[in-house]
Protein backbone atom coordinates (compact mmCIF):
# COMPACT_ATOMS: atom_id res chain seq x y z
CA MET A 1 -9.84 10.49 19.47
CA LEU A 2 -12.56 8.33 17.95
CA PRO A 3 -15.74 7.96 19.97
CA ALA A 4 -16.37 4.51 21.39
CA ARG A 5 -17.40 2.19 18.56
CA ALA A 6 -17.17 4.81 15.82
CA ALA A 7 -19.06 4.41 12.53
CA VAL A 8 -15.98 2.98 10.84
CA THR A 9 -15.20 -0.48 9.49
CA TYR A 10 -11.61 -1.68 9.67
CA ILE A 11 -10.86 -4.45 7.15
CA LEU A 12 -7.81 -6.62 7.71
CA PRO A 13 -7.12 -9.25 5.03
CA ILE A 14 -4.67 -11.89 6.23
CA LYS A 15 -3.17 -15.11 4.91
CA ALA A 16 -0.73 -16.41 7.49
CA VAL A 17 1.54 -19.44 7.24
CA ALA A 18 1.68 -19.77 11.03
CA SER A 19 -0.84 -18.70 13.65
CA GLN A 20 -0.71 -15.05 14.71
CA ALA A 21 -3.15 -15.64 17.56
CA ASP A 22 -0.69 -15.10 20.40
CA GLY A 23 1.52 -12.52 18.72
CA GLU A 24 1.48 -8.78 18.27
CA VAL A 25 -1.34 -8.94 15.72
CA GLY A 26 -3.66 -10.32 18.38
CA ALA A 27 -2.75 -7.57 20.84
CA TYR A 28 -3.35 -4.95 18.15
CA LEU A 29 -6.78 -6.39 17.37
CA GLN A 30 -7.65 -6.33 21.07
CA TRP A 31 -6.85 -2.62 21.06
CA LEU A 32 -8.80 -1.91 17.86
CA ALA A 33 -11.93 -3.92 18.55
CA PRO A 34 -13.69 -1.57 20.99
CA GLN A 35 -13.23 1.41 18.65
CA VAL A 36 -14.40 0.19 15.23
CA GLU A 37 -16.29 -2.54 13.46
CA LEU A 38 -13.43 -4.95 12.85
CA ILE A 39 -13.56 -7.51 10.04
CA VAL A 40 -10.69 -9.98 9.62
CA VAL A 41 -10.88 -11.77 6.28
CA ASP A 42 -8.68 -14.81 6.80
CA GLY A 43 -7.41 -16.86 3.87
CA SER A 44 -5.05 -18.93 6.02
CA ALA A 45 -4.91 -22.73 5.99
CA PRO A 46 -7.68 -24.43 8.03
CA ASP A 47 -5.56 -25.09 11.12
CA VAL A 48 -4.28 -21.51 11.22
CA PHE A 49 -7.78 -20.16 10.56
CA ALA A 50 -9.12 -22.23 13.47
CA SER A 51 -6.42 -20.90 15.78
CA HIS A 52 -7.28 -17.33 14.80
CA ALA A 53 -11.00 -18.02 15.27
CA ASP A 54 -10.41 -19.32 18.80
CA ALA A 55 -8.34 -16.27 19.73
CA TRP A 56 -10.20 -13.49 17.93
CA GLY A 57 -13.72 -14.76 17.32
CA ALA A 58 -15.18 -12.99 20.33
CA ILE A 59 -13.83 -9.55 19.42
CA VAL A 60 -13.84 -9.41 15.59
CA ARG A 61 -15.92 -10.63 12.72
CA HIS A 62 -13.66 -13.42 11.50
CA VAL A 63 -14.55 -14.79 8.06
CA THR A 64 -13.09 -16.59 5.08
CA PRO A 65 -12.86 -14.78 1.71
CA ALA A 66 -16.09 -15.09 -0.26
CA PRO A 67 -15.63 -17.77 -2.97
CA ASP A 68 -17.32 -15.63 -5.60
CA LEU A 69 -14.85 -12.82 -4.91
CA ALA A 70 -11.71 -14.94 -5.26
CA THR A 71 -9.00 -13.14 -7.25
CA PRO A 72 -5.49 -13.97 -8.51
CA MET A 73 -4.19 -11.27 -6.16
CA GLY A 74 -5.68 -12.87 -3.07
CA LYS A 75 -5.59 -9.73 -0.94
CA VAL A 76 -8.12 -8.05 -3.23
CA GLY A 77 -10.61 -10.86 -2.71
CA GLY A 78 -10.21 -10.41 1.02
CA VAL A 79 -10.74 -6.67 0.80
CA LEU A 80 -13.82 -7.02 -1.41
CA THR A 81 -15.26 -9.55 1.03
CA GLY A 82 -14.80 -7.03 3.83
CA VAL A 83 -16.34 -4.26 1.74
CA ARG A 84 -19.39 -6.43 1.11
CA LEU A 85 -19.82 -7.21 4.82
CA ALA A 86 -19.06 -3.73 6.17
CA SER A 87 -21.84 -1.93 8.01
CA HIS A 88 -20.36 1.54 7.63
CA GLU A 89 -19.56 3.98 4.83
CA ARG A 90 -16.07 4.79 6.07
CA LEU A 91 -13.60 1.97 5.58
CA VAL A 92 -10.01 1.58 6.70
CA ILE A 93 -8.18 -1.19 4.84
CA ALA A 94 -4.86 -2.32 6.27
CA ASP A 95 -2.32 -5.12 5.93
CA ASP A 96 -1.54 -7.17 9.01
CA ASP A 97 1.78 -5.36 9.53
CA VAL A 98 0.14 -1.91 9.85
CA ARG A 99 -0.22 -0.38 13.31
CA TYR A 100 -2.44 2.66 13.71
CA ASP A 101 -2.39 4.65 16.92
CA ALA A 102 -5.42 6.58 18.17
CA VAL A 103 -4.31 9.86 16.61
CA ALA A 104 -3.65 8.41 13.15
CA LEU A 105 -6.88 6.41 13.15
CA GLU A 106 -8.96 9.45 14.06
CA ARG A 107 -7.17 11.56 11.45
CA ILE A 108 -7.59 9.17 8.53
CA VAL A 109 -11.29 8.78 9.27
CA ARG A 110 -11.65 12.56 9.41
CA GLU A 111 -9.88 12.91 6.05
CA LEU A 112 -12.82 11.05 4.50
CA ASP A 113 -14.98 14.09 5.24
CA ASP A 114 -13.53 15.71 2.13
CA ALA A 115 -12.19 12.79 0.10
CA HIS A 116 -13.25 9.43 -1.27
CA VAL A 117 -9.88 7.73 -0.77
CA VAL A 118 -7.00 8.60 1.58
CA ARG A 119 -3.39 7.52 1.15
CA PRO A 120 -1.40 8.12 4.36
CA GLN A 121 2.34 7.89 5.01
CA ASN A 122 3.82 4.68 6.41
CA TYR A 123 7.02 4.54 8.40
CA PHE A 124 8.84 1.50 9.73
CA THR A 125 9.27 0.79 13.42
CA PRO A 126 11.47 -0.85 14.54
CA LEU A 127 14.08 -0.06 11.92
CA PRO A 128 16.44 -2.94 11.02
CA TRP A 129 18.89 -2.34 8.19
CA HIS A 130 16.59 -3.48 5.39
CA ALA A 131 13.73 -1.30 6.64
CA ARG A 132 16.10 1.67 6.81
CA TRP A 133 17.14 0.85 3.22
CA ASP A 134 13.51 0.66 2.06
CA THR A 135 12.73 3.92 3.84
CA GLY A 136 14.76 5.59 1.09
CA ARG A 137 11.92 4.67 -1.27
CA MET A 138 9.41 6.36 1.02
CA LEU A 139 11.47 9.54 1.23
CA LEU A 140 11.82 9.84 -2.54
CA ASN A 141 8.11 9.14 -2.96
CA ARG A 142 7.36 12.06 -0.62
CA ILE A 143 8.59 14.46 -3.31
CA ALA A 144 6.97 12.51 -6.16
CA GLY A 145 3.29 12.12 -5.35
CA GLY A 146 3.34 10.47 -1.93
CA ASP A 147 3.90 7.05 -0.40
CA TRP A 148 2.10 3.87 -1.43
CA PRO A 149 1.45 2.45 2.02
CA GLY A 150 0.02 -0.81 3.31
CA THR A 151 -3.20 0.94 4.27
CA LEU A 152 -5.87 3.14 2.69
CA ALA A 153 -9.16 4.65 3.78
CA VAL A 154 -12.01 4.68 1.29
CA ARG A 155 -15.71 5.41 1.13
CA ARG A 156 -17.67 2.20 0.67
CA SER A 157 -20.35 3.65 -1.62
CA ILE A 158 -17.98 4.71 -4.39
CA LEU A 159 -16.13 1.39 -4.34
CA ARG A 160 -19.40 -0.54 -4.48
CA ALA A 161 -20.68 1.68 -7.29
CA ALA A 162 -17.54 0.87 -9.27
CA GLY A 163 -18.15 -2.85 -8.81
CA GLY A 164 -14.97 -3.22 -6.74
CA TYR A 165 -11.55 -3.16 -8.34
CA ASP A 166 -9.51 -5.54 -10.48
CA GLY A 167 -8.10 -8.45 -8.49
CA ARG A 168 -5.63 -9.36 -11.23
CA ALA A 169 -3.53 -6.28 -10.51
CA MET A 170 -0.20 -6.79 -8.78
CA PHE A 171 -0.13 -3.13 -7.64
CA GLU A 172 -3.48 -3.49 -5.93
CA ASN A 173 -3.46 -0.21 -3.99
CA LEU A 174 -2.81 1.76 -7.16
CA GLU A 175 -5.65 -0.15 -8.83
CA LEU A 176 -8.03 0.79 -6.02
CA VAL A 177 -7.04 4.46 -6.06
CA ARG A 178 -7.27 4.67 -9.85
CA THR A 179 -10.70 3.06 -9.74
CA VAL A 180 -11.94 5.69 -7.28
CA LEU A 181 -10.44 8.50 -9.36
CA ALA A 182 -11.95 7.09 -12.56
CA MET A 183 -15.34 7.33 -10.84
CA GLY A 184 -14.67 11.03 -10.32
CA GLY A 185 -13.61 10.60 -6.71
CA VAL A 186 -11.26 12.82 -4.72
CA GLU A 187 -7.95 11.54 -3.34
CA SER A 188 -6.26 12.89 -0.23
CA VAL A 189 -2.51 12.33 0.29
CA PRO A 190 -1.67 13.86 3.69
CA LEU A 191 2.10 13.61 4.00
CA ASP A 192 1.90 14.34 7.72
CA LEU A 193 -0.47 11.47 8.52
CA PHE A 194 2.04 8.93 9.81
CA VAL A 195 1.01 5.29 10.29
CA ALA A 196 3.47 2.78 11.73
CA ARG A 197 4.33 -0.41 9.91
CA ARG A 198 6.25 -3.43 11.15
CA PRO A 199 9.18 -4.41 8.90
CA SER A 200 9.22 -7.77 7.16
CA THR A 201 11.83 -10.44 7.72
CA THR A 202 15.05 -10.04 5.74
CA LYS A 203 14.11 -13.08 3.65
CA HIS A 204 10.75 -11.59 2.73
CA PHE A 205 12.39 -8.25 1.98
CA TRP A 206 14.64 -9.84 -0.65
CA SER A 207 11.76 -11.82 -2.13
CA GLN A 208 9.85 -8.59 -2.80
CA ARG A 209 12.51 -6.70 -4.76
CA ILE A 210 11.58 -7.76 -8.29
CA ARG A 211 7.88 -7.85 -7.56
CA GLN A 212 7.88 -4.26 -6.32
CA ALA A 213 9.88 -3.17 -9.35
CA TYR A 214 7.28 -4.91 -11.54
CA ASP A 215 4.62 -2.59 -10.12
CA GLU A 216 6.15 0.24 -12.14
CA LEU A 217 4.94 -1.34 -15.37
CA ALA A 218 1.70 0.37 -14.37
CA ARG A 219 3.47 3.76 -14.50
CA PRO A 220 5.53 3.84 -17.71
CA PRO A 221 7.24 7.22 -17.14
CA ARG A 222 8.56 6.07 -13.77
CA LEU A 223 9.60 2.73 -15.23
CA ALA A 224 11.46 4.44 -18.05
CA THR A 225 13.29 6.63 -15.55
CA GLN A 226 14.27 3.66 -13.43
CA LEU A 227 15.38 1.64 -16.46
CA ALA A 228 17.57 4.54 -17.54
CA VAL A 229 19.52 4.71 -14.27
CA LEU A 230 21.73 1.67 -14.84
CA PRO A 231 22.86 2.43 -18.41
CA LEU A 232 23.37 6.10 -17.55
CA ALA A 233 25.46 5.15 -14.52
CA ILE A 234 27.61 2.83 -16.61
CA LEU A 235 27.95 5.42 -19.36
CA GLY A 236 28.87 8.14 -16.89
CA ALA A 237 31.44 5.99 -15.11
CA THR A 238 33.12 4.92 -18.35
CA THR A 239 33.14 8.27 -20.16
CA ILE A 240 33.16 10.99 -17.53
CA GLY A 241 34.57 9.05 -14.61
CA TRP A 242 33.55 8.12 -11.11
CA ARG A 243 32.92 11.76 -10.27
CA SER A 244 29.67 11.55 -12.21
CA LEU A 245 28.51 8.71 -9.97
CA ALA A 246 29.45 10.69 -6.88
CA LEU A 247 27.38 13.61 -8.11
CA GLY A 248 24.47 11.29 -8.79
CA VAL A 249 24.68 9.80 -5.31
CA ALA A 250 24.79 13.28 -3.77
CA ALA A 251 21.73 14.34 -5.75
CA ILE A 252 19.77 11.29 -4.57
CA VAL A 253 20.72 11.90 -0.94
CA ALA A 254 19.66 15.54 -1.28
CA ALA A 255 16.32 14.57 -2.83
CA ALA A 256 15.66 12.01 -0.09
CA GLU A 257 16.54 14.54 2.59
CA LEU A 258 14.09 16.99 1.02
CA GLY A 259 11.42 14.30 1.31
CA ARG A 260 12.41 13.61 4.92
CA ARG A 261 12.01 17.27 5.83
CA ARG A 262 8.59 17.67 4.21
CA ALA A 263 5.49 17.83 6.40
CA GLY A 264 7.17 16.86 9.65
CA GLY A 265 8.91 13.78 8.31
CA THR A 266 11.90 14.24 10.58
CA THR A 267 9.75 13.08 13.49
CA VAL A 268 9.58 9.51 12.13
CA PHE A 269 12.37 9.20 9.53
CA PRO A 270 16.04 9.12 10.65
CA ALA A 271 18.70 11.02 8.70
CA SER A 272 20.47 7.73 7.97
CA ALA A 273 17.58 6.74 5.70
CA SER A 274 18.45 9.63 3.37
CA LEU A 275 22.03 8.40 3.20
CA LEU A 276 20.80 4.94 2.20
CA ALA A 277 18.46 6.21 -0.53
CA PRO A 278 21.14 5.72 -3.26
CA ALA A 279 21.26 2.03 -2.30
CA TRP A 280 17.53 1.75 -2.94
CA VAL A 281 17.91 3.55 -6.28
CA ALA A 282 20.70 1.15 -7.26
CA GLU A 283 18.53 -1.81 -6.26
CA ARG A 284 15.62 -0.50 -8.33
CA ALA A 285 17.92 0.23 -11.29
CA VAL A 286 18.85 -3.46 -11.43
CA CYS A 287 15.48 -4.93 -10.46
CA SER A 288 13.61 -2.86 -13.05
CA TRP A 289 15.50 -4.69 -15.77
CA LEU A 290 14.83 -8.02 -14.06
CA ALA A 291 11.13 -7.16 -13.83
CA LEU A 292 11.05 -6.25 -17.51
CA GLY A 293 12.79 -9.52 -18.29
CA ALA A 294 10.17 -11.40 -16.26
CA ARG A 295 7.44 -9.75 -18.31
CA VAL A 296 9.12 -10.69 -21.61
CA LEU A 297 10.33 -14.18 -20.71
CA LEU A 298 7.74 -15.39 -18.19
CA GLY A 299 4.74 -13.29 -19.16
CA GLY A 300 4.64 -11.70 -15.72
CA VAL A 301 5.98 -11.99 -12.20
CA PRO A 302 5.70 -15.18 -10.10
CA TYR A 303 3.23 -14.88 -7.24
CA ARG A 304 2.14 -17.71 -4.92
CA GLY A 305 2.38 -20.48 -7.47
CA THR A 306 1.08 -18.51 -10.43
CA VAL A 307 2.28 -15.72 -12.71
CA LEU A 308 0.63 -12.31 -12.58
CA ARG A 309 0.98 -10.21 -15.73
CA HIS A 310 -1.21 -7.24 -14.87
CA ALA A 311 0.49 -4.47 -12.86
CA ALA A 312 -2.51 -2.09 -12.82
CA THR A 313 -5.14 -0.84 -15.25
CA PRO A 314 -4.37 2.42 -17.12
CA MET A 315 -6.53 5.38 -16.12
CA ARG A 316 -7.86 5.84 -19.64
CA VAL A 317 -9.18 2.27 -19.62
CA LEU A 318 -10.81 2.68 -16.23
CA ARG A 319 -12.41 5.99 -17.21
CA ALA A 320 -13.87 4.44 -20.34
CA ARG A 321 -15.11 1.42 -18.39
CA LEU A 322 -16.63 3.34 -15.49
CA ALA A 323 -18.03 6.33 -17.39
CA PRO A 324 -21.57 4.85 -17.60
CA GLN A 325 -21.76 4.57 -13.80
CA PRO A 326 -24.25 6.71 -11.80
CA PRO A 327 -23.35 10.35 -11.14
CA LEU A 328 -20.71 10.98 -8.51
CA GLU A 329 -23.12 13.06 -6.41
CA GLN A 330 -24.55 9.81 -5.10
CA HIS A 331 -21.17 9.01 -3.56
CA ALA A 332 -20.02 12.51 -2.55
CA PRO A 333 -18.52 12.81 0.93
CA PRO A 334 -20.27 15.12 3.36
CA ARG A 335 -18.52 18.43 3.84
CA ARG A 336 -17.14 19.46 7.20
CA SER A 337 -19.33 21.88 9.07
CA ALA A 338 -18.00 25.41 9.56
């Protein structure tokens, strides 16, 4: 358990269409506020912002994004505003659909003893059909480098020393992690650190399919693999027969189940999610081509009235850009005592 008012800053960037003042977000903030410094960076419309200020102003630091930190990917501007205002070295950054419990919050803060950035494991609760479908992605990621959740923990000093991270990047969490690594930082990916996340609406789920596939332009080997699935499936079905597809489906289910069984995953992931993993792979096989088409035909992927081209900055570019920064020792995390 965290001590009362721990030396941690929790940054929650939000841009809501309708007020969240009386909903679950408000109740979650009431629970968080006594434990951490809580900064809500609110880019909502003025009437929604005012409603949030009335409800939360007494328990959180409720601010608008700093104008000089505005970015095409608006969330990044909100995060950087929170980083600037934070009083503490240890930061937890989380979307408004993330729900820590006391155990997970204490654990992720403790992970920063030996790391500069921590990438935990999200799981959906409750679990409507589309969240169960998307859980297949999480399970496969658990055997391929870990989940990319809606929350990270990071040490403020190393992020400030890097000058923040690029707010043009669609895959903003990858951009942040790569920036920390390019500074020589250490990443922790604890697969058994489970943090709950509320599922989106079905409408929002569908709206995210191509955009999430576009993120893989930042990771060419993964993109190439995903682009290959559809033509290989068609080739296999037409030359070898449907048995090849059945074998492929079985292999995907087996891989997802391996991910589910890693590091205690069976405690939060149902077996049905492994069975639905082939559906996610099929979705990504199609949407990868649509994302590539958006890059070629539109110059990027539509996002809130604009088009974002940049998925994330390559590591080699970040290393070259950040190499002249001060030595990492200035940002090294303290070691745990014996």
